[in-house]
Amino acid sequence: MEIYLVRHTETVCEKGICYGQTDVNLAEPFDAVFEKILSKLPSEAILFSSPLKRCVILAKHIQKNIKIVSYEEDERLKEMNFGDWEMRKWDDIPPEQLNPWMEDFVTIPVSNGESFTVLHQRVIHFLSDKLSESEIPVIIVAHAGVIRSILCHHTSTALKDAFNSKVDFGEVIRIKL
């Protein structure tokens, strides 16, 4: 099965802000980047998206411009929940909270948020629930954390090494499952 992992484009958040499940907007203009993304996608596909608007805006554009057999937004494709850290500057998070998480983001949850293991479990549940052998390619519009989780699963990479995979804004990564 051919899967296209698409990360949303840049957001309105300034650099250094921690945003995960906060529903922030995309930075405009994004039309040129959207067209570049479209050029890397198949002409027909099944489309899944995170329900956060930074993904939905891109997914709707894809839906309007290529033949989409089915489209679904799925909560399990949301970015990591950063709980009490949402919309705070990374530099403003107290070191006594940040450092333990940075040393073990895989198992240590953010206060009132989640760990990378929790994100990974919901992403794997999505994959097993929604993806079956299909001749039609699948496009997943999501976030860096979700895409890294899928790549770890696909390549049998340890979750602690997830950040070895660089996932830029607007990047399209094609894999075969």
Protein backbone atom coordinates (compact mmCIF):
# COMPACT_ATOMS: atom_id res chain seq x y z
CA MET A 1 0.00 0.00 0.00
CA GLU A 2 1.33 3.40 -0.99
CA ILE A 3 1.00 6.09 1.69
CA TYR A 4 1.80 9.78 1.36
CA LEU A 5 2.50 11.47 4.69
CA VAL A 6 1.96 15.22 4.37
CA ARG A 7 2.88 17.69 7.08
CA HIS A 8 0.85 20.89 7.25
CA THR A 9 2.57 24.11 6.18
CA GLU A 10 3.88 26.82 8.53
CA THR A 11 1.55 28.21 11.17
CA VAL A 12 0.97 31.72 12.49
CA CYS A 13 2.86 30.84 15.68
CA GLU A 14 6.18 32.53 16.16
CA LYS A 15 9.25 30.31 16.40
CA GLY A 16 9.86 28.89 19.87
CA ILE A 17 6.19 28.47 20.83
CA CYS A 18 5.01 25.08 22.04
CA TYR A 19 1.79 24.22 20.24
CA GLY A 20 0.47 20.73 19.84
CA GLN A 21 -3.28 20.34 19.93
CA THR A 22 -3.96 24.07 20.04
CA ASP A 23 -5.97 24.81 16.88
CA VAL A 24 -3.74 27.45 15.28
CA ASN A 25 -4.08 28.85 11.77
CA LEU A 26 -1.73 28.48 8.83
CA ALA A 27 0.54 31.34 7.86
CA GLU A 28 -0.50 32.95 4.60
CA PRO A 29 0.07 33.00 1.74
CA PHE A 30 0.16 29.24 1.33
CA ASP A 31 -1.11 28.75 -2.24
CA ALA A 32 2.35 28.26 -3.80
CA VAL A 33 3.35 25.71 -1.16
CA PHE A 34 0.02 23.90 -1.58
CA GLU A 35 0.65 23.63 -5.33
CA LYS A 36 4.12 22.19 -4.70
CA ILE A 37 2.56 19.61 -2.35
CA LEU A 38 -0.07 18.68 -4.95
CA SER A 39 2.65 18.03 -7.52
CA LYS A 40 4.03 15.26 -5.27
CA LEU A 41 0.72 13.47 -4.72
CA PRO A 42 -1.05 10.79 -6.76
CA SER A 43 -3.96 11.75 -9.02
CA GLU A 44 -6.38 9.59 -7.00
CA ALA A 45 -6.33 8.68 -3.31
CA ILE A 46 -8.09 8.02 -0.03
CA LEU A 47 -7.55 11.04 2.22
CA PHE A 48 -7.28 11.21 6.01
CA SER A 49 -6.56 14.35 8.03
CA SER A 50 -6.06 15.56 11.54
CA PRO A 51 -9.15 17.62 12.50
CA LEU A 52 -6.97 20.61 13.47
CA LYS A 53 -7.50 23.46 11.01
CA ARG A 54 -3.83 23.69 10.02
CA CYS A 55 -4.29 20.23 8.48
CA VAL A 56 -7.92 20.54 7.37
CA ILE A 57 -7.21 23.65 5.26
CA LEU A 58 -4.55 21.72 3.35
CA ALA A 59 -6.65 18.53 3.17
CA LYS A 60 -9.63 20.43 1.72
CA HIS A 61 -7.33 21.95 -0.92
CA ILE A 62 -6.09 18.47 -1.83
CA GLN A 63 -9.69 17.23 -1.95
CA LYS A 64 -10.62 19.99 -4.42
CA ASN A 65 -7.68 19.32 -6.72
CA ILE A 66 -7.29 15.55 -7.03
CA LYS A 67 -9.76 12.67 -7.19
CA ILE A 68 -10.48 11.71 -3.59
CA VAL A 69 -12.30 8.39 -3.17
CA SER A 70 -13.08 9.13 0.48
CA TYR A 71 -12.16 11.81 3.01
CA GLU A 72 -12.15 11.52 6.79
CA GLU A 73 -10.87 13.61 9.67
CA ASP A 74 -9.66 11.51 12.60
CA GLU A 75 -8.94 12.68 16.16
CA ARG A 76 -6.13 10.13 16.46
CA LEU A 77 -4.11 12.12 13.91
CA LYS A 78 -3.87 15.18 16.18
CA GLU A 79 -0.43 16.37 17.24
CA MET A 80 0.88 15.53 20.70
CA ASN A 81 -1.06 17.09 23.56
CA PHE A 82 1.39 19.40 25.33
CA GLY A 83 -1.06 20.06 28.18
CA ASP A 84 0.08 22.91 30.42
CA TRP A 85 2.81 23.85 27.94
CA GLU A 86 0.44 24.65 25.06
CA MET A 87 1.11 28.11 23.59
CA ARG A 88 3.98 28.82 25.99
CA LYS A 89 7.47 29.70 24.86
CA TRP A 90 9.74 26.68 25.21
CA ASP A 91 12.22 28.98 26.98
CA ASP A 92 9.57 29.85 29.60
CA ILE A 93 8.91 26.25 30.64
CA PRO A 94 10.66 25.71 33.99
CA PRO A 95 13.75 23.48 33.62
CA GLU A 96 12.55 21.20 36.43
CA GLN A 97 9.56 20.35 34.20
CA LEU A 98 11.23 20.48 30.79
CA ASN A 99 14.49 18.64 31.45
CA PRO A 100 13.02 15.31 32.62
CA TRP A 101 10.69 15.32 29.61
CA MET A 102 13.52 16.18 27.21
CA GLU A 103 15.52 13.25 28.62
CA ASP A 104 12.59 10.82 28.25
CA PHE A 105 9.80 12.31 26.11
CA VAL A 106 8.85 8.76 25.13
CA THR A 107 7.41 7.77 28.53
CA ILE A 108 7.15 10.98 30.55
CA PRO A 109 3.90 12.86 29.87
CA VAL A 110 3.67 16.62 29.87
CA SER A 111 1.63 17.90 32.83
CA ASN A 112 -2.04 17.55 31.77
CA GLY A 113 -0.82 16.30 28.39
CA GLU A 114 0.59 13.10 26.98
CA SER A 115 3.83 11.24 26.32
CA PHE A 116 5.10 10.23 22.90
CA THR A 117 4.12 6.64 23.72
CA VAL A 118 0.48 7.72 24.14
CA LEU A 119 0.60 9.58 20.81
CA HIS A 120 2.20 6.53 19.16
CA GLN A 121 -0.46 4.17 20.55
CA ARG A 122 -3.31 6.26 19.13
CA VAL A 123 -1.54 6.59 15.77
CA ILE A 124 -0.94 2.82 15.57
CA HIS A 125 -4.58 2.25 16.51
CA PHE A 126 -5.57 4.57 13.63
CA LEU A 127 -3.35 2.64 11.19
CA SER A 128 -4.72 -0.75 12.21
CA ASP A 129 -8.31 0.54 12.25
CA LYS A 130 -8.37 2.56 9.02
CA LEU A 131 -5.73 1.20 6.69
CA SER A 132 -6.19 -2.06 4.89
CA GLU A 133 -4.56 -3.38 1.76
CA SER A 134 -5.71 -1.12 -1.03
CA GLU A 135 -4.66 -0.52 -4.59
CA ILE A 136 -5.63 3.12 -4.11
CA PRO A 137 -2.92 5.31 -2.52
CA VAL A 138 -3.60 6.88 0.88
CA ILE A 139 -2.78 10.47 1.82
CA ILE A 140 -2.47 11.37 5.51
CA VAL A 141 -2.32 15.10 6.33
CA ALA A 142 -0.95 15.45 9.82
CA HIS A 143 1.71 16.83 12.13
CA ALA A 144 5.42 16.18 12.63
CA GLY A 145 4.85 14.05 15.75
CA VAL A 146 2.26 11.87 14.04
CA ILE A 147 4.41 11.46 10.93
CA ARG A 148 7.47 10.57 13.03
CA SER A 149 5.36 8.01 14.88
CA ILE A 150 4.27 6.41 11.58
CA LEU A 151 7.88 6.40 10.34
CA CYS A 152 9.05 4.71 13.56
CA HIS A 153 6.38 2.06 13.08
CA HIS A 154 7.22 1.62 9.39
CA THR A 155 10.99 1.31 9.90
CA SER A 156 10.93 -0.42 13.32
CA THR A 157 12.81 2.56 14.77
CA ALA A 158 12.80 3.02 18.55
CA LEU A 159 10.52 5.86 19.63
CA LYS A 160 13.43 7.53 21.41
CA ASP A 161 15.00 8.01 17.95
CA ALA A 162 11.88 9.54 16.38
CA PHE A 163 13.51 12.97 16.07
CA ASN A 164 16.20 11.53 13.82
CA SER A 165 13.53 11.85 11.12
CA LYS A 166 13.40 15.44 9.92
CA VAL A 167 9.87 16.42 8.87
CA ASP A 168 9.67 19.93 7.43
CA PHE A 169 6.55 22.05 7.03
CA GLY A 170 4.78 21.07 3.81
CA GLU A 171 6.92 17.96 3.35
CA VAL A 172 5.55 14.92 1.52
CA ILE A 173 7.01 11.55 2.49
CA ARG A 174 6.03 8.48 0.44
CA ILE A 175 6.20 5.05 2.08
CA LYS A 176 4.95 1.58 1.25
CA LEU A 177 3.31 -0.52 3.95
